[in-house]
Protein backbone atom coordinates (compact mmCIF):
# COMPACT_ATOMS: atom_id res chain seq x y z
CA UNK A 1 98.75 348.29 103.68
CA UNK A 2 100.30 349.01 100.29
CA UNK A 3 99.28 347.67 96.91
CA UNK A 4 102.64 345.88 96.68
CA UNK A 5 101.92 343.95 99.87
CA UNK A 6 98.67 342.46 98.56
CA UNK A 7 98.98 338.79 97.65
CA UNK A 8 96.86 338.12 94.53
CA UNK A 9 95.97 334.65 95.84
CA UNK A 10 94.05 336.15 98.74
CA UNK A 11 93.11 339.52 97.25
CA UNK A 12 89.72 339.73 95.49
CA UNK A 13 90.78 342.24 92.87
CA UNK A 14 90.70 342.20 89.07
CA UNK A 15 91.11 345.10 86.64
CA UNK A 16 87.34 345.22 86.10
CA UNK A 17 86.13 344.40 89.62
CA UNK A 18 87.34 344.38 93.21
CA UNK A 19 86.00 343.99 96.72
CA UNK A 20 84.62 347.17 98.26
CA UNK A 21 87.07 347.08 101.18
CA UNK A 22 89.96 347.38 98.70
CA UNK A 23 88.82 350.71 97.29
CA UNK A 24 91.74 353.12 97.52
CA UNK A 25 94.26 350.26 97.59
CA UNK A 26 93.77 348.83 94.11
CA UNK A 27 92.60 350.13 90.76
CA UNK A 28 89.43 348.59 89.33
CA UNK A 29 86.52 349.68 87.15
CA UNK A 30 84.07 349.09 90.01
CA UNK A 31 83.92 347.87 93.59
CA UNK A 32 81.31 345.55 95.12
CA UNK A 33 80.61 344.27 98.62
CA UNK A 34 79.87 340.70 97.61
CA UNK A 35 77.34 338.26 99.03
CA UNK A 36 77.85 335.44 101.51
CA UNK A 37 77.24 332.00 99.98
CA UNK A 38 78.05 328.43 100.97
CA UNK A 39 79.54 325.36 99.30
CA UNK A 40 76.74 322.88 98.55
CA UNK A 41 78.81 320.39 96.56
CA UNK A 42 80.70 317.62 98.34
CA UNK A 43 83.93 319.27 97.19
CA UNK A 44 84.31 322.32 94.93
CA UNK A 45 87.41 322.95 92.84
CA UNK A 46 88.63 326.54 93.09
CA UNK A 47 90.16 327.37 89.72
CA UNK A 48 92.52 330.10 88.60
CA UNK A 49 90.35 331.05 85.62
CA UNK A 50 86.63 330.62 84.84
CA UNK A 51 86.88 327.56 82.64
CA UNK A 52 86.88 323.79 83.30
CA UNK A 53 90.43 323.23 82.04
CA UNK A 54 91.96 325.92 84.29
CA UNK A 55 94.38 324.86 87.05
CA UNK A 56 92.87 323.96 90.43
CA UNK A 57 94.60 326.02 93.13
CA UNK A 58 92.62 324.66 96.08
CA UNK A 59 89.35 323.04 97.02
CA UNK A 60 86.43 324.17 99.18
CA UNK A 61 84.56 321.61 101.25
CA UNK A 62 80.83 321.15 101.80
CA UNK A 63 79.39 323.77 104.15
CA UNK A 64 82.30 326.18 103.78
CA UNK A 65 81.36 329.87 103.56
CA UNK A 66 82.46 332.02 100.62
CA UNK A 67 81.92 335.56 99.46
CA UNK A 68 80.56 335.76 95.91
CA UNK A 69 81.73 338.86 94.05
CA UNK A 70 80.77 338.06 90.47
CA UNK A 71 78.87 335.52 88.37
CA UNK A 72 79.33 334.97 84.65
CA UNK A 73 78.44 332.08 82.36
CA UNK A 74 78.13 329.53 85.13
CA UNK A 75 81.20 330.59 87.09
CA UNK A 76 81.33 332.43 90.38
CA UNK A 77 84.30 334.53 91.45
CA UNK A 78 84.61 333.93 95.18
CA UNK A 79 86.81 334.35 98.22
CA UNK A 80 86.88 331.53 100.78
CA UNK A 81 86.01 332.73 104.24
CA UNK A 82 88.30 330.35 106.11
CA UNK A 83 91.63 331.16 104.46
CA UNK A 84 90.87 334.07 102.13
CA UNK A 85 91.80 332.21 98.95
CA UNK A 86 90.26 333.72 95.81
CA UNK A 87 89.26 331.95 92.62
CA UNK A 88 86.48 330.61 90.43
CA UNK A 89 83.99 327.87 91.31
CA UNK A 90 81.14 326.42 89.29
CA UNK A 91 77.88 328.11 90.29
CA UNK A 92 76.15 324.76 90.78
CA UNK A 93 78.64 324.09 93.62
CA UNK A 94 77.45 327.02 95.75
CA UNK A 95 74.16 328.27 97.19
CA UNK A 96 72.89 331.03 99.51
CA UNK A 97 74.44 330.75 102.96
CA UNK A 98 72.12 329.39 105.68
CA UNK A 99 71.29 331.68 108.58
CA UNK A 100 72.65 329.29 111.20
CA UNK A 101 76.35 328.53 111.54
CA UNK A 102 77.64 324.96 111.21
CA UNK A 103 77.47 322.93 114.42
CA UNK A 104 79.53 319.88 113.46
CA UNK A 105 82.27 318.70 111.11
CA UNK A 106 83.01 315.39 109.46
CA UNK A 107 85.73 313.79 111.61
CA UNK A 108 86.58 310.77 109.43
CA UNK A 109 88.03 310.59 105.94
CA UNK A 110 84.58 310.29 104.37
CA UNK A 111 81.00 309.76 105.49
CA UNK A 112 77.74 309.19 103.65
CA UNK A 113 74.51 311.14 103.79
CA UNK A 114 71.44 308.88 103.71
CA UNK A 115 67.81 309.85 103.01
CA UNK A 116 66.73 307.96 106.16
CA UNK A 117 68.63 306.62 109.20
CA UNK A 118 69.35 303.36 107.41
CA UNK A 119 72.71 302.36 105.91
CA UNK A 120 70.93 300.15 103.37
CA UNK A 121 69.45 303.19 101.61
CA UNK A 122 71.09 304.69 98.50
CA UNK A 123 73.35 307.55 99.57
CA UNK A 124 72.63 311.19 98.80
CA UNK A 125 76.21 312.41 99.16
CA UNK A 126 79.70 311.43 100.32
CA UNK A 127 81.23 314.17 102.47
CA UNK A 128 84.96 314.52 103.15
CA UNK A 129 86.91 315.08 106.34
CA UNK A 130 86.44 318.68 107.45
CA UNK A 131 83.07 319.24 105.77
CA UNK A 132 80.82 321.50 107.84
CA UNK A 133 77.36 320.36 108.91
CA UNK A 134 74.30 321.84 110.60
CA UNK A 135 72.90 319.09 112.80
CA UNK A 136 69.27 319.37 113.86
CA UNK A 137 69.12 316.30 116.08
CA UNK A 138 71.51 313.57 117.21
CA UNK A 139 70.33 310.05 118.02
CA UNK A 140 72.14 306.95 119.22
CA UNK A 141 73.38 306.00 115.77
CA UNK A 142 72.47 308.80 113.36
CA UNK A 143 72.43 312.57 113.27
CA UNK A 144 69.70 314.36 111.33
CA UNK A 145 70.94 317.28 109.26
CA UNK A 146 69.09 320.58 109.21
CA UNK A 147 69.21 320.58 105.40
CA UNK A 148 67.89 317.03 105.14
CA UNK A 149 69.48 313.62 105.31
CA UNK A 150 71.19 311.57 107.98
CA UNK A 151 74.84 310.84 108.76
CA UNK A 152 76.32 308.22 111.06
CA UNK A 153 76.76 310.00 114.41
CA UNK A 154 80.12 308.38 115.10
CA UNK A 155 81.58 310.04 112.00
CA UNK A 156 81.04 313.65 113.09
CA UNK A 157 82.26 315.91 115.89
CA UNK A 158 80.98 319.17 117.35
CA UNK A 159 82.79 322.24 116.02
CA UNK A 160 83.51 323.25 119.61
CA UNK A 161 85.36 319.98 120.27
CA UNK A 162 88.55 319.92 118.15
CA UNK A 163 90.64 316.83 117.58
CA UNK A 164 93.39 316.50 120.21
CA UNK A 165 96.17 315.46 117.85
CA UNK A 166 96.59 316.86 114.35
CA UNK A 167 99.34 314.32 113.66
CA UNK A 168 96.86 311.50 114.25
CA UNK A 169 94.51 313.19 111.77
CA UNK A 170 97.30 313.28 109.21
CA UNK A 171 98.08 309.61 109.76
CA UNK A 172 94.53 308.72 108.76
CA UNK A 173 95.31 310.20 105.36
CA UNK A 174 98.27 307.93 104.70
CA UNK A 175 98.26 306.60 101.12
CA UNK A 176 95.91 309.33 99.88
CA UNK A 177 97.08 310.13 96.34
CA UNK A 178 98.86 313.41 95.72
CA UNK A 179 96.68 315.96 93.95
CA UNK A 180 97.74 319.52 93.32
CA UNK A 181 95.21 321.76 95.08
CA UNK A 182 93.48 318.77 96.69
CA UNK A 183 92.15 318.71 100.25
CA UNK A 184 90.47 315.30 100.65
CA UNK A 185 91.39 311.63 101.03
CA UNK A 186 90.68 311.21 97.32
CA UNK A 187 93.55 313.57 96.55
CA UNK A 188 95.55 316.02 98.64
CA UNK A 189 98.70 318.12 98.40
CA UNK A 190 101.28 318.88 101.09
CA UNK A 191 100.00 322.29 102.21
CA UNK A 192 96.41 321.09 101.97
CA UNK A 193 97.30 318.27 104.37
CA UNK A 194 98.81 320.72 106.85
CA UNK A 195 95.86 323.11 106.66
CA UNK A 196 93.20 320.39 106.89
CA UNK A 197 94.76 318.58 109.85
CA UNK A 198 95.45 321.75 111.80
CA UNK A 199 91.87 322.88 111.20
CA UNK A 200 90.59 319.66 112.80
CA UNK A 201 92.71 320.55 115.84
CA UNK A 202 91.16 324.02 116.00
CA UNK A 203 94.18 325.78 114.52
CA UNK A 204 94.02 328.13 111.54
CA UNK A 205 96.62 328.01 108.79
CA UNK A 206 96.95 329.67 105.38
CA UNK A 207 96.58 327.55 102.26
CA UNK A 208 99.98 327.48 100.55
CA UNK A 209 103.36 326.38 101.87
CA UNK A 210 105.06 329.77 101.59
CA UNK A 211 102.12 331.36 103.43
CA UNK A 212 102.30 328.69 106.13
CA UNK A 213 106.03 329.21 106.54
CA UNK A 214 105.54 332.93 107.16
CA UNK A 215 102.44 332.62 109.36
CA UNK A 216 103.04 329.54 111.50
CA UNK A 217 106.51 328.25 110.63
CA UNK A 218 109.50 328.23 112.95
CA UNK A 219 113.13 327.56 112.17
CA UNK A 220 114.49 324.27 113.49
CA UNK A 221 118.03 323.72 114.67
CA UNK A 222 119.95 321.15 112.71
CA UNK A 223 123.26 319.38 112.85
CA UNK A 224 125.22 319.57 109.53
CA UNK A 225 126.80 316.19 110.34
CA UNK A 226 123.50 314.45 109.57
């Protein structure tokens, strides 16, 4: 691998700091191994620079694993485990990664977390499609989360049981507003839609359109008369 081949979007390297596995490939003042953390916010914006007015390049969903390489003034410089995207998230949106891996995912556009198995209770959180959960116990109507709270059991699916049709997943997101960098029903962009729906079908895809074209795209025949 050459330095020229490294895509900055998925390469945790800055002039002052870079990931330890990049030593010898990039120039940086120091190299660190990073620590595994997890997204604890419903949705976390991943920004290009460590400030609230910086562009949002993508979003990380609840329960997603990240590697934290640096923390400064309330911002964490992270790399997303699922697709390798690198950027800045607010430190309040992440926490130490749990020892156990997620067991379930949210399988509907959005579901609520309740303090008790009762839909009349005030909600604790609203989790988007694709959010990762650690379920401790599943009942007839509710699933109890290992970190506390209850979700409606019909709104989640086991990680080992992917959705059969990623097109059907996409159709559930019809009329979601376009949002650059978005990955939820409250706002989503074109490549985010592709990545999110394929993930529900158990298929991995890079984040951005050009990456997807190179990794999973295939040329289609076409008739110039149409």
